[in-house]
C-alpha atoms as a PDB file:
ATOM      1  CA  MET A   1     135.962  54.357 210.231  1.00  0.00           C
ATOM      2  CA  THR A   2     136.382  51.034 208.398  1.00  0.00           C
ATOM      3  CA  LEU A   3     139.137  52.596 206.303  1.00  0.00           C
ATOM      4  CA  PHE A   4     141.177  53.159 209.463  1.00  0.00           C
ATOM      5  CA  ALA A   5     140.527  49.599 210.615  1.00  0.00           C
ATOM      6  CA  VAL A   6     141.722  48.197 207.282  1.00  0.00           C
ATOM      7  CA  ALA A   7     144.812  50.416 207.395  1.00  0.00           C
ATOM      8  CA  GLY A   8     145.549  49.214 210.936  1.00  0.00           C
ATOM      9  CA  VAL A   9     145.266  45.568 209.915  1.00  0.00           C
ATOM     10  CA  LEU A  10     147.518  46.095 206.890  1.00  0.00           C
ATOM     11  CA  THR A  11     150.106  47.878 209.022  1.00  0.00           C
ATOM     12  CA  ALA A  12     150.065  45.080 211.596  1.00  0.00           C
ATOM     13  CA  CYS A  13     150.536  42.462 208.881  1.00  0.00           C
ATOM     14  CA  ALA A  14     153.330  44.388 207.179  1.00  0.00           C
ATOM     15  CA  SER A  15     155.552  44.784 210.218  1.00  0.00           C
ATOM     16  CA  PRO A  16     157.423  41.675 211.354  1.00  0.00           C
ATOM     17  CA  ALA A  17     156.589  40.310 214.761  1.00  0.00           C
ATOM     18  CA  PRO A  18     159.371  40.888 217.264  1.00  0.00           C
ATOM     19  CA  SER A  19     161.502  37.806 217.716  1.00  0.00           C
ATOM     20  CA  LYS A  20     161.289  35.999 221.031  1.00  0.00           C
ATOM     21  CA  SER A  21     164.685  34.549 220.284  1.00  0.00           C
ATOM     22  CA  PRO A  22     167.037  33.884 221.917  1.00  0.00           C
ATOM     23  CA  THR A  23     166.142  32.083 225.098  1.00  0.00           C
ATOM     24  CA  ILE A  24     169.006  32.588 227.521  1.00  0.00           C
ATOM     25  CA  GLU A  25     170.133  30.094 230.128  1.00  0.00           C
ATOM     26  CA  ARG A  26     173.161  29.666 232.317  1.00  0.00           C
ATOM     27  CA  VAL A  27     175.156  26.487 231.709  1.00  0.00           C
ATOM     28  CA  PRO A  28     174.764  24.294 234.824  1.00  0.00           C
ATOM     29  CA  GLY A  29     177.985  23.495 236.634  1.00  0.00           C
ATOM     30  CA  GLN A  30     179.989  25.932 234.511  1.00  0.00           C
ATOM     31  CA  PRO A  31     180.352  29.315 236.212  1.00  0.00           C
ATOM     32  CA  GLY A  32     180.425  32.192 233.773  1.00  0.00           C
ATOM     33  CA  MET A  33     178.971  30.255 230.829  1.00  0.00           C
ATOM     34  CA  VAL A  34     175.800  31.340 229.051  1.00  0.00           C
ATOM     35  CA  ARG A  35     173.824  29.562 226.325  1.00  0.00           C
ATOM     36  CA  LEU A  36     171.636  31.347 223.787  1.00  0.00           C
ATOM     37  CA  LEU A  37     168.925  29.128 222.291  1.00  0.00           C
ATOM     38  CA  VAL A  38     167.916  30.556 218.928  1.00  0.00           C
ATOM     39  CA  ASP A  39     164.572  29.921 217.200  1.00  0.00           C
ATOM     40  CA  ARG A  40     164.259  28.609 213.640  1.00  0.00           C
ATOM     41  CA  GLU A  41     163.669  32.008 212.035  1.00  0.00           C
ATOM     42  CA  ASP A  42     166.717  33.690 213.577  1.00  0.00           C
ATOM     43  CA  ALA A  43     168.813  30.562 213.027  1.00  0.00           C
ATOM     44  CA  PHE A  44     168.046  30.714 209.299  1.00  0.00           C
ATOM     45  CA  ARG A  45     168.997  34.396 209.176  1.00  0.00           C
ATOM     46  CA  LEU A  46     172.293  33.458 210.808  1.00  0.00           C
ATOM     47  CA  SER A  47     172.826  30.329 208.722  1.00  0.00           C
ATOM     48  CA  ARG A  48     175.159  30.131 205.785  1.00  0.00           C
ATOM     49  CA  ALA A  49     172.079  29.880 203.561  1.00  0.00           C
ATOM     50  CA  GLY A  50     170.875  33.166 205.030  1.00  0.00           C
ATOM     51  CA  ILE A  51     174.198  34.896 204.388  1.00  0.00           C
ATOM     52  CA  MET A  52     175.059  34.562 200.727  1.00  0.00           C
ATOM     53  CA  ASP A  53     178.142  36.144 199.207  1.00  0.00           C
ATOM     54  CA  PRO A  54     176.741  38.629 196.667  1.00  0.00           C
ATOM     55  CA  SER A  55     180.016  38.680 194.738  1.00  0.00           C
ATOM     56  CA  SER A  56     180.010  34.910 194.212  1.00  0.00           C
ATOM     57  CA  PRO A  57     178.528  33.871 190.839  1.00  0.00           C
ATOM     58  CA  SER A  58     177.770  30.416 192.221  1.00  0.00           C
ATOM     59  CA  GLY A  59     176.028  31.782 195.327  1.00  0.00           C
ATOM     60  CA  LEU A  60     178.532  30.266 197.722  1.00  0.00           C
ATOM     61  CA  THR A  61     178.366  31.485 201.266  1.00  0.00           C
ATOM     62  CA  ASP A  62     180.978  33.668 202.851  1.00  0.00           C
ATOM     63  CA  ARG A  63     182.240  31.968 206.006  1.00  0.00           C
ATOM     64  CA  PHE A  64     183.728  35.215 207.316  1.00  0.00           C
ATOM     65  CA  ARG A  65     180.387  37.020 207.049  1.00  0.00           C
ATOM     66  CA  TYR A  66     178.746  34.015 208.736  1.00  0.00           C
ATOM     67  CA  ALA A  67     181.185  34.172 211.665  1.00  0.00           C
ATOM     68  CA  ALA A  68     180.748  37.948 211.927  1.00  0.00           C
ATOM     69  CA  ALA A  69     176.946  37.596 211.915  1.00  0.00           C
ATOM     70  CA  LEU A  70     177.114  35.055 214.760  1.00  0.00           C
ATOM     71  CA  GLU A  71     179.379  37.321 216.793  1.00  0.00           C
ATOM     72  CA  ASP A  72     177.210  40.399 216.186  1.00  0.00           C
ATOM     73  CA  TYR A  73     174.028  38.525 217.097  1.00  0.00           C
ATOM     74  CA  THR A  74     175.591  37.100 220.268  1.00  0.00           C
ATOM     75  CA  ALA A  75     177.049  40.430 221.397  1.00  0.00           C
ATOM     76  CA  ALA A  76     173.724  42.219 220.842  1.00  0.00           C
ATOM     77  CA  ALA A  77     171.703  39.555 222.711  1.00  0.00           C
ATOM     78  CA  LEU A  78     174.107  39.566 225.657  1.00  0.00           C
ATOM     79  CA  LYS A  79     174.140  43.363 225.847  1.00  0.00           C
ATOM     80  CA  ARG A  80     170.343  43.599 225.562  1.00  0.00           C
ATOM     81  CA  ASN A  81     170.026  41.230 228.532  1.00  0.00           C
ATOM     82  CA  GLY A  82     172.808  42.767 230.628  1.00  0.00           C
ATOM     83  CA  LEU A  83     175.056  39.710 230.443  1.00  0.00           C
ATOM     84  CA  CYS A  84     178.843  39.491 230.044  1.00  0.00           C
ATOM     85  CA  PRO A  85     179.482  43.245 230.453  1.00  0.00           C
ATOM     86  CA  GLU A  86     183.238  42.686 230.113  1.00  0.00           C
ATOM     87  CA  GLY A  87     182.848  40.704 226.897  1.00  0.00           C
ATOM     88  CA  TYR A  88     182.853  37.016 226.070  1.00  0.00           C
ATOM     89  CA  GLY A  89     185.032  34.327 224.563  1.00  0.00           C
ATOM     90  CA  ASN A  90     184.927  30.692 223.414  1.00  0.00           C
ATOM     91  CA  LEU A  91     181.855  31.041 221.177  1.00  0.00           C
ATOM     92  CA  VAL A  92     180.608  27.520 220.383  1.00  0.00           C
ATOM     93  CA  VAL A  93     177.730  26.906 217.955  1.00  0.00           C
ATOM     94  CA  ALA A  94     175.733  23.666 217.890  1.00  0.00           C
ATOM     95  CA  GLY A  95     172.297  22.373 217.037  1.00  0.00           C
ATOM     96  CA  ALA A  96     169.568  22.560 219.673  1.00  0.00           C
ATOM     97  CA  SER A  97     166.541  20.492 220.535  1.00  0.00           C
ATOM     98  CA  PRO A  98     163.069  21.711 219.467  1.00  0.00           C
ATOM     99  CA  PRO A  99     161.535  24.239 219.659  1.00  0.00           C
ATOM    100  CA  HIS A 100     164.985  25.823 219.221  1.00  0.00           C
ATOM    101  CA  GLU A 101     167.198  25.382 216.204  1.00  0.00           C
ATOM    102  CA  LEU A 102     170.603  26.641 217.273  1.00  0.00           C
ATOM    103  CA  SER A 103     172.622  26.825 220.476  1.00  0.00           C
ATOM    104  CA  ILE A 104     175.338  29.433 220.990  1.00  0.00           C
ATOM    105  CA  THR A 105     177.424  28.968 224.146  1.00  0.00           C
ATOM    106  CA  VAL A 106     179.910  31.574 225.381  1.00  0.00           C
ATOM    107  CA  THR A 107     182.144  32.110 228.384  1.00  0.00           C
ATOM    108  CA  CYS A 108     181.791  35.513 230.022  1.00  0.00           C
ATOM    109  CA  LEU A 109     185.073  37.324 230.582  1.00  0.00           C
ATOM    110  CA  GLY A 110     185.787  38.895 233.950  1.00  0.00           C
ATOM    111  CA  SER A 111     182.894  38.384 236.328  1.00  0.00           C
ATOM    112  CA  PRO A 112     180.217  35.671 236.034  1.00  0.00           C
ATOM    113  CA  PRO A 113     177.040  36.525 234.052  1.00  0.00           C
END
């Protein structure tokens, strides 16, 4: 019985907790604009430090992979929450106030979010 309890605890510790990021809000006064507020952990994964160019001997970051990671993350978060079904444009990345680390603002194409 205790063996199963230990195995359960080890399994729970081994699997990462699901991210609560991003927090989604509509931009006040701007119809069709949505802001994703990203927590510190996801922001690091998306940061240039989190996306290193494996082919670079100096460990420089790949700005194209960084841009692609931001776009993929944004598209997945919007789709998961049923926002911007016709796509989005004008992706703007900025810092955010705590407890968030990063702010990603987009304009929904077609109909409002």
